[in-house]
C-alpha atoms as a PDB file:
ATOM      1  CA  MET A   1      43.172 -13.585 -34.992  1.00  0.00           C
ATOM      2  CA  SER A   2      40.990 -11.275 -32.962  1.00  0.00           C
ATOM      3  CA  LYS A   3      40.689 -11.433 -29.210  1.00  0.00           C
ATOM      4  CA  PRO A   4      37.366 -12.363 -27.590  1.00  0.00           C
ATOM      5  CA  LEU A   5      34.755  -9.628 -27.218  1.00  0.00           C
ATOM      6  CA  GLN A   6      34.954  -7.590 -24.033  1.00  0.00           C
ATOM      7  CA  ILE A   7      31.391  -8.103 -22.810  1.00  0.00           C
ATOM      8  CA  SER A   8      29.998  -9.507 -19.585  1.00  0.00           C
ATOM      9  CA  ALA A   9      28.970 -13.149 -19.332  1.00  0.00           C
ATOM     10  CA  ASP A  10      25.325 -12.154 -18.786  1.00  0.00           C
ATOM     11  CA  THR A  11      25.343  -9.936 -21.882  1.00  0.00           C
ATOM     12  CA  ALA A  12      27.019 -12.662 -23.937  1.00  0.00           C
ATOM     13  CA  VAL A  13      24.394 -15.236 -22.960  1.00  0.00           C
ATOM     14  CA  LYS A  14      21.518 -12.868 -23.795  1.00  0.00           C
ATOM     15  CA  LEU A  15      23.052 -11.877 -27.152  1.00  0.00           C
ATOM     16  CA  ALA A  16      23.722 -15.494 -28.103  1.00  0.00           C
ATOM     17  CA  GLU A  17      20.074 -16.330 -27.360  1.00  0.00           C
ATOM     18  CA  GLN A  18      18.700 -13.401 -29.336  1.00  0.00           C
ATOM     19  CA  LEU A  19      21.019 -13.903 -32.307  1.00  0.00           C
ATOM     20  CA  GLY A  20      20.538 -17.664 -32.319  1.00  0.00           C
ATOM     21  CA  VAL A  21      24.258 -18.475 -32.293  1.00  0.00           C
ATOM     22  CA  PRO A  22      26.263 -20.633 -29.896  1.00  0.00           C
ATOM     23  CA  LEU A  23      27.956 -18.697 -27.098  1.00  0.00           C
ATOM     24  CA  GLU A  24      31.423 -19.773 -28.275  1.00  0.00           C
ATOM     25  CA  HIS A  25      30.739 -18.414 -31.768  1.00  0.00           C
ATOM     26  CA  LEU A  26      29.504 -15.128 -30.344  1.00  0.00           C
ATOM     27  CA  MET A  27      32.596 -14.598 -28.207  1.00  0.00           C
ATOM     28  CA  HIS A  28      34.927 -15.069 -31.185  1.00  0.00           C
ATOM     29  CA  MET A  29      32.763 -13.293 -33.744  1.00  0.00           C
ATOM     30  CA  PRO A  30      34.484 -10.339 -35.436  1.00  0.00           C
ATOM     31  CA  ARG A  31      33.219  -7.053 -34.035  1.00  0.00           C
ATOM     32  CA  HIS A  32      31.946  -5.725 -37.393  1.00  0.00           C
ATOM     33  CA  ILE A  33      29.889  -8.896 -37.956  1.00  0.00           C
ATOM     34  CA  LEU A  34      28.395  -8.642 -34.472  1.00  0.00           C
ATOM     35  CA  LEU A  35      27.477  -4.987 -35.035  1.00  0.00           C
ATOM     36  CA  GLN A  36      25.861  -5.892 -38.349  1.00  0.00           C
ATOM     37  CA  LYS A  37      23.797  -8.660 -36.717  1.00  0.00           C
ATOM     38  CA  LEU A  38      22.777  -6.330 -33.874  1.00  0.00           C
ATOM     39  CA  ALA A  39      21.665  -3.696 -36.378  1.00  0.00           C
ATOM     40  CA  GLU A  40      19.560  -6.288 -38.228  1.00  0.00           C
ATOM     41  CA  LEU A  41      18.080  -7.482 -34.943  1.00  0.00           C
ATOM     42  CA  ALA A  42      17.221  -3.927 -33.895  1.00  0.00           C
ATOM     43  CA  LYS A  43      15.640  -3.213 -37.277  1.00  0.00           C
ATOM     44  CA  ASN A  44      13.493  -6.359 -37.068  1.00  0.00           C
ATOM     45  CA  ASP A  45      12.467  -5.719 -33.456  1.00  0.00           C
ATOM     46  CA  SER A  46      11.576  -2.056 -33.818  1.00  0.00           C
ATOM     47  CA  PRO A  47       8.038  -1.144 -34.872  1.00  0.00           C
ATOM     48  CA  ALA A  48       7.601   0.386 -38.296  1.00  0.00           C
ATOM     49  CA  SER A  49       8.685   3.988 -38.039  1.00  0.00           C
ATOM     50  CA  PRO A  50       6.498   6.704 -39.502  1.00  0.00           C
ATOM     51  CA  PRO A  51       7.656   7.940 -42.906  1.00  0.00           C
ATOM     52  CA  SER A  52      10.124  10.776 -42.604  1.00  0.00           C
ATOM     53  CA  GLU A  53       9.143  14.165 -43.891  1.00  0.00           C
ATOM     54  CA  GLU A  54      10.910  15.102 -47.102  1.00  0.00           C
ATOM     55  CA  LYS A  55      12.103  18.635 -47.651  1.00  0.00           C
ATOM     56  CA  SER A  56      11.521  20.218 -51.054  1.00  0.00           C
END
């Protein structure tokens, strides 16, 4: 069993709101799952990036 995440109460409340999960679930969520959800959230929130230049 993993220990609760080491984040501040304010950060936990904001993350729970943005991820749409109960605070208790967030605090006991495995770290790799939380990072995956944060990456998805960041991808959805960021504006479409310009296409990268390909080198030939």
